Amino acid sequence: MMTQTHESCLASPLDPFLGSFLRELAELEDGYSPTSHCGPVAARLEWAPAFVEAMFTSARARGLLEPYRAKGARGRARWRVSERGRTWLMTRSSEANGEHFAVIAPTPSPAAR
């Protein structure tokens, strides 16, 4: 019987897409600029640019991205995967490989005992 972690029970249906988006951003050495990188990231992932914007908004709202001042970015903030985002990615990668499972079962009612 397959079990799930508490977080995976609460996962969003968009999480697989969010994972792909975060992995793509992690490859950008100077951070992600929504203005400059939305189109190229959309092309690499074969998504519509509006969907990339939605993933950016979701990742930022969930604390999976953090602002980052890249050298030579002329003072504009860029974004990179936060520590929380890296942990989120590692957890999902481990779960996908069957390495991280915890049993969460409902407490049986007294009548069922």
Protein backbone atom coordinates (compact mmCIF):
# COMPACT_ATOMS: atom_id res chain seq x y z
CA MET A 1 0.00 0.00 0.00
CA MET A 2 1.38 3.41 -0.97
CA THR A 3 1.38 6.08 1.69
CA GLN A 4 1.76 9.83 1.38
CA THR A 5 3.46 12.53 3.38
CA HIS A 6 1.40 15.23 5.02
CA GLU A 7 2.65 17.83 2.52
CA SER A 8 1.85 15.70 -0.50
CA CYS A 9 -1.72 15.32 0.78
CA LEU A 10 -1.98 19.09 0.70
CA ALA A 11 -0.20 19.50 -2.65
CA SER A 12 -1.55 21.66 -5.43
CA PRO A 13 -2.40 20.12 -8.80
CA LEU A 14 0.03 22.67 -10.24
CA ASP A 15 2.99 21.33 -8.21
CA PRO A 16 4.50 19.28 -11.08
CA PHE A 17 4.54 22.41 -13.23
CA LEU A 18 5.91 24.48 -10.38
CA GLY A 19 8.71 21.94 -9.94
CA SER A 20 9.67 22.24 -13.62
CA PHE A 21 9.59 26.02 -13.36
CA LEU A 22 11.81 26.09 -10.25
CA ARG A 23 14.33 23.68 -11.78
CA GLU A 24 14.52 25.93 -14.85
CA LEU A 25 15.09 29.01 -12.68
CA ALA A 26 17.79 27.23 -10.69
CA GLU A 27 19.79 26.98 -13.93
CA LEU A 28 19.90 30.77 -14.35
CA GLU A 29 23.21 31.94 -12.85
CA ASP A 30 22.24 35.61 -12.58
CA GLY A 31 18.71 35.00 -11.33
CA TYR A 32 15.34 35.30 -13.02
CA SER A 33 13.99 38.55 -14.37
CA PRO A 34 10.30 38.22 -15.28
CA THR A 35 10.73 40.86 -17.98
CA SER A 36 13.80 39.33 -19.63
CA HIS A 37 13.39 35.63 -18.97
CA CYS A 38 9.66 34.90 -19.24
CA GLY A 39 9.74 34.33 -23.00
CA PRO A 40 12.87 32.12 -23.09
CA VAL A 41 11.69 30.06 -20.07
CA ALA A 42 8.27 29.63 -21.70
CA ALA A 43 9.93 28.43 -24.91
CA ARG A 44 12.18 25.94 -23.10
CA LEU A 45 9.26 24.52 -21.10
CA GLU A 46 6.90 24.71 -24.11
CA TRP A 47 4.38 26.75 -22.11
CA ALA A 48 2.50 29.93 -22.82
CA PRO A 49 4.22 33.01 -21.31
CA ALA A 50 1.10 33.70 -19.24
CA PHE A 51 1.47 30.29 -17.59
CA VAL A 52 5.11 31.07 -16.73
CA GLU A 53 3.87 34.30 -15.11
CA ALA A 54 1.31 32.29 -13.12
CA MET A 55 4.02 29.88 -11.92
CA PHE A 56 6.23 32.85 -10.94
CA THR A 57 3.38 34.38 -8.94
CA SER A 58 2.62 31.07 -7.23
CA ALA A 59 6.27 30.37 -6.39
CA ARG A 60 6.80 33.87 -5.04
CA ALA A 61 3.60 33.77 -2.94
CA ARG A 62 4.61 30.41 -1.44
CA GLY A 63 8.08 31.66 -0.51
CA LEU A 64 9.83 29.37 -2.98
CA LEU A 65 11.64 32.33 -4.57
CA GLU A 66 13.63 35.16 -3.02
CA PRO A 67 14.78 38.50 -4.41
CA TYR A 68 18.38 38.58 -5.54
CA ARG A 69 20.66 41.44 -6.65
CA ALA A 70 22.72 40.12 -9.52
CA LYS A 71 25.99 41.75 -10.48
CA GLY A 72 25.50 43.94 -13.52
CA ALA A 73 21.70 43.92 -13.23
CA ARG A 74 21.67 47.73 -12.90
CA GLY A 75 20.00 47.67 -9.51
CA ARG A 76 16.98 45.65 -10.60
CA ALA A 77 16.05 42.78 -8.33
CA ARG A 78 16.05 39.35 -9.85
CA TRP A 79 14.69 36.19 -8.33
CA ARG A 80 16.26 32.88 -7.41
CA VAL A 81 15.07 29.69 -5.74
CA SER A 82 15.03 30.23 -1.97
CA GLU A 83 16.22 27.76 0.64
CA ARG A 84 12.58 26.85 1.19
CA GLY A 85 12.22 26.33 -2.57
CA ARG A 86 15.27 24.05 -2.70
CA THR A 87 13.87 22.02 0.19
CA TRP A 88 10.49 21.86 -1.56
CA LEU A 89 12.15 20.57 -4.74
CA MET A 90 14.24 17.98 -2.88
CA THR A 91 11.19 16.69 -1.01
CA ARG A 92 9.22 16.24 -4.20
CA SER A 93 12.15 14.60 -5.99
CA SER A 94 12.55 12.14 -3.11
CA GLU A 95 8.83 11.37 -3.08
CA ALA A 96 8.85 10.77 -6.84
CA ASN A 97 11.69 8.28 -6.36
CA GLY A 98 9.85 6.50 -3.55
CA GLU A 99 12.41 7.55 -0.97
CA HIS A 100 10.28 9.69 1.33
CA PHE A 101 7.06 8.28 2.61
CA ALA A 102 5.38 8.63 5.94
CA VAL A 103 2.19 7.00 7.07
CA ILE A 104 -0.68 9.30 7.80
CA ALA A 105 -3.76 7.38 8.74
CA PRO A 106 -6.94 8.65 10.29
CA THR A 107 -7.43 7.83 13.93
CA PRO A 108 -10.02 5.02 14.16
CA SER A 109 -13.16 5.90 15.97
CA PRO A 110 -13.79 4.11 19.28
CA ALA A 111 -16.69 2.23 17.65
CA ALA A 112 -14.37 0.78 15.00
CA ARG A 113 -12.02 -0.73 17.57
